[in-house]
């Protein structure tokens, strides 16, 4: 039994968070060689080819960590009085907050999907 691919543009409607990129240009068929705005290629690569889901996940967690570090540095500079632009500090903190909320939602949805698969009766 083959499950049809999920179209992220239909589910997310082209949802975009600054610093993370848009999910509207991801190839819903998972075709190898597809490149989205995140710069990730070969999303649908076969296991062991180095372009799989795990690699994408590691890259995105790294970007999330970078956003968190940038926000922490910017807020520290604001507290020290060395920040020259308050707007950029607020923007950095909001980007980090939205990215963390998205990561939490993705984790929750993945956990629910795994539970659904485990509870599926054959």
Protein backbone atom coordinates (compact mmCIF):
# COMPACT_ATOMS: atom_id res chain seq x y z
CA UNK A 1 0.00 0.00 0.00
CA UNK A 2 1.47 3.34 -1.04
CA UNK A 3 0.49 6.56 0.69
CA UNK A 4 0.19 9.70 -1.42
CA UNK A 5 2.72 12.45 -0.63
CA UNK A 6 1.60 15.33 1.54
CA UNK A 7 1.57 18.67 -0.24
CA UNK A 8 3.13 21.15 2.23
CA UNK A 9 1.72 24.11 0.29
CA UNK A 10 -1.80 22.84 0.85
CA UNK A 11 -1.20 22.18 4.54
CA UNK A 12 0.84 25.28 5.34
CA UNK A 13 -0.37 27.65 2.63
CA UNK A 14 3.12 28.91 1.88
CA UNK A 15 3.77 29.73 5.54
CA UNK A 16 7.06 31.55 5.97
CA UNK A 17 9.10 32.53 8.99
CA UNK A 18 11.97 34.95 8.44
CA UNK A 19 15.27 33.23 9.03
CA UNK A 20 13.86 29.80 8.34
CA UNK A 21 12.54 30.28 4.81
CA UNK A 22 9.41 29.39 2.94
CA UNK A 23 7.94 25.93 2.79
CA UNK A 24 5.86 26.74 -0.28
CA UNK A 25 8.53 25.74 -2.80
CA UNK A 26 9.25 22.26 -1.44
CA UNK A 27 8.58 19.61 -4.05
CA UNK A 28 5.60 17.65 -2.64
CA UNK A 29 6.57 14.55 -4.61
CA UNK A 30 9.89 14.37 -2.78
CA UNK A 31 11.75 14.15 -6.06
CA UNK A 32 15.51 13.96 -5.77
CA UNK A 33 17.22 17.15 -6.78
CA UNK A 34 14.47 19.49 -5.60
CA UNK A 35 15.81 22.63 -3.96
CA UNK A 36 13.71 24.87 -1.76
CA UNK A 37 14.41 28.36 -0.46
CA UNK A 38 16.25 26.88 2.49
CA UNK A 39 18.96 25.72 0.11
CA UNK A 40 18.29 22.09 0.88
CA UNK A 41 18.58 19.77 -2.06
CA UNK A 42 17.58 16.14 -2.52
CA UNK A 43 14.85 16.07 0.10
CA UNK A 44 13.58 12.80 -1.24
CA UNK A 45 16.94 11.05 -1.38
CA UNK A 46 17.12 7.36 -0.64
CA UNK A 47 18.34 6.12 2.71
CA UNK A 48 22.09 6.25 2.97
CA UNK A 49 22.58 8.74 0.13
CA UNK A 50 23.27 11.66 2.47
CA UNK A 51 20.35 13.82 1.30
CA UNK A 52 17.65 12.45 3.53
CA UNK A 53 15.31 13.72 6.16
CA UNK A 54 17.85 13.37 8.96
CA UNK A 55 20.31 15.70 7.24
CA UNK A 56 17.62 18.30 6.65
CA UNK A 57 16.53 18.03 10.28
CA UNK A 58 20.10 18.51 11.53
CA UNK A 59 20.55 21.57 9.29
CA UNK A 60 17.31 23.16 10.48
CA UNK A 61 18.09 22.52 14.14
CA UNK A 62 21.45 24.19 13.53
CA UNK A 63 19.70 27.21 12.02
CA UNK A 64 17.31 27.31 14.98
CA UNK A 65 20.28 27.28 17.35
CA UNK A 66 21.92 30.10 15.38
CA UNK A 67 18.73 32.19 15.61
CA UNK A 68 18.58 31.61 19.36
CA UNK A 69 22.23 32.64 19.79
CA UNK A 70 21.70 35.76 17.67
CA UNK A 71 18.67 36.74 19.74
CA UNK A 72 20.57 36.18 22.99
CA UNK A 73 23.49 38.29 21.79
CA UNK A 74 21.19 41.07 20.58
CA UNK A 75 19.20 41.16 23.82
CA UNK A 76 22.42 41.18 25.84
CA UNK A 77 23.69 44.15 23.82
CA UNK A 78 20.38 45.92 24.47
CA UNK A 79 20.73 45.28 28.21
CA UNK A 80 24.34 46.54 28.14
CA UNK A 81 23.29 49.67 26.29
CA UNK A 82 25.54 48.89 23.32
CA UNK A 83 22.73 48.15 20.86
CA UNK A 84 22.50 50.82 18.18
CA UNK A 85 19.14 49.75 16.75
CA UNK A 86 16.37 48.59 19.08
CA UNK A 87 14.25 47.50 16.12
CA UNK A 88 16.84 44.96 14.98
CA UNK A 89 16.98 43.52 18.51
CA UNK A 90 13.21 43.11 18.62
CA UNK A 91 13.26 41.55 15.15
CA UNK A 92 15.98 39.06 16.13
CA UNK A 93 14.12 38.03 19.28
CA UNK A 94 10.81 37.64 17.41
CA UNK A 95 12.48 35.54 14.70
CA UNK A 96 13.92 33.25 17.35
CA UNK A 97 10.58 33.02 19.16
CA UNK A 98 8.63 32.18 16.01
CA UNK A 99 11.22 29.64 14.92
CA UNK A 100 11.03 27.94 18.32
CA UNK A 101 7.22 27.87 18.18
CA UNK A 102 7.36 26.31 14.72
CA UNK A 103 9.87 23.70 15.89
CA UNK A 104 7.61 22.86 18.82
CA UNK A 105 4.60 22.47 16.53
CA UNK A 106 6.56 20.25 14.16
CA UNK A 107 7.69 18.10 17.10
CA UNK A 108 4.12 17.81 18.37
CA UNK A 109 2.75 16.89 14.94
CA UNK A 110 5.50 14.33 14.37
CA UNK A 111 4.82 12.78 17.77
CA UNK A 112 1.10 12.58 17.01
CA UNK A 113 1.80 11.03 13.62
CA UNK A 114 4.07 8.39 15.17
CA UNK A 115 1.43 7.56 17.76
CA UNK A 116 -1.18 7.25 15.00
CA UNK A 117 1.06 4.86 13.09
CA UNK A 118 1.70 2.74 16.20
CA UNK A 119 -2.01 2.57 16.98
CA UNK A 120 -3.06 1.64 13.45
CA UNK A 121 -4.65 -1.80 13.35
CA UNK A 122 -3.97 -4.03 10.41
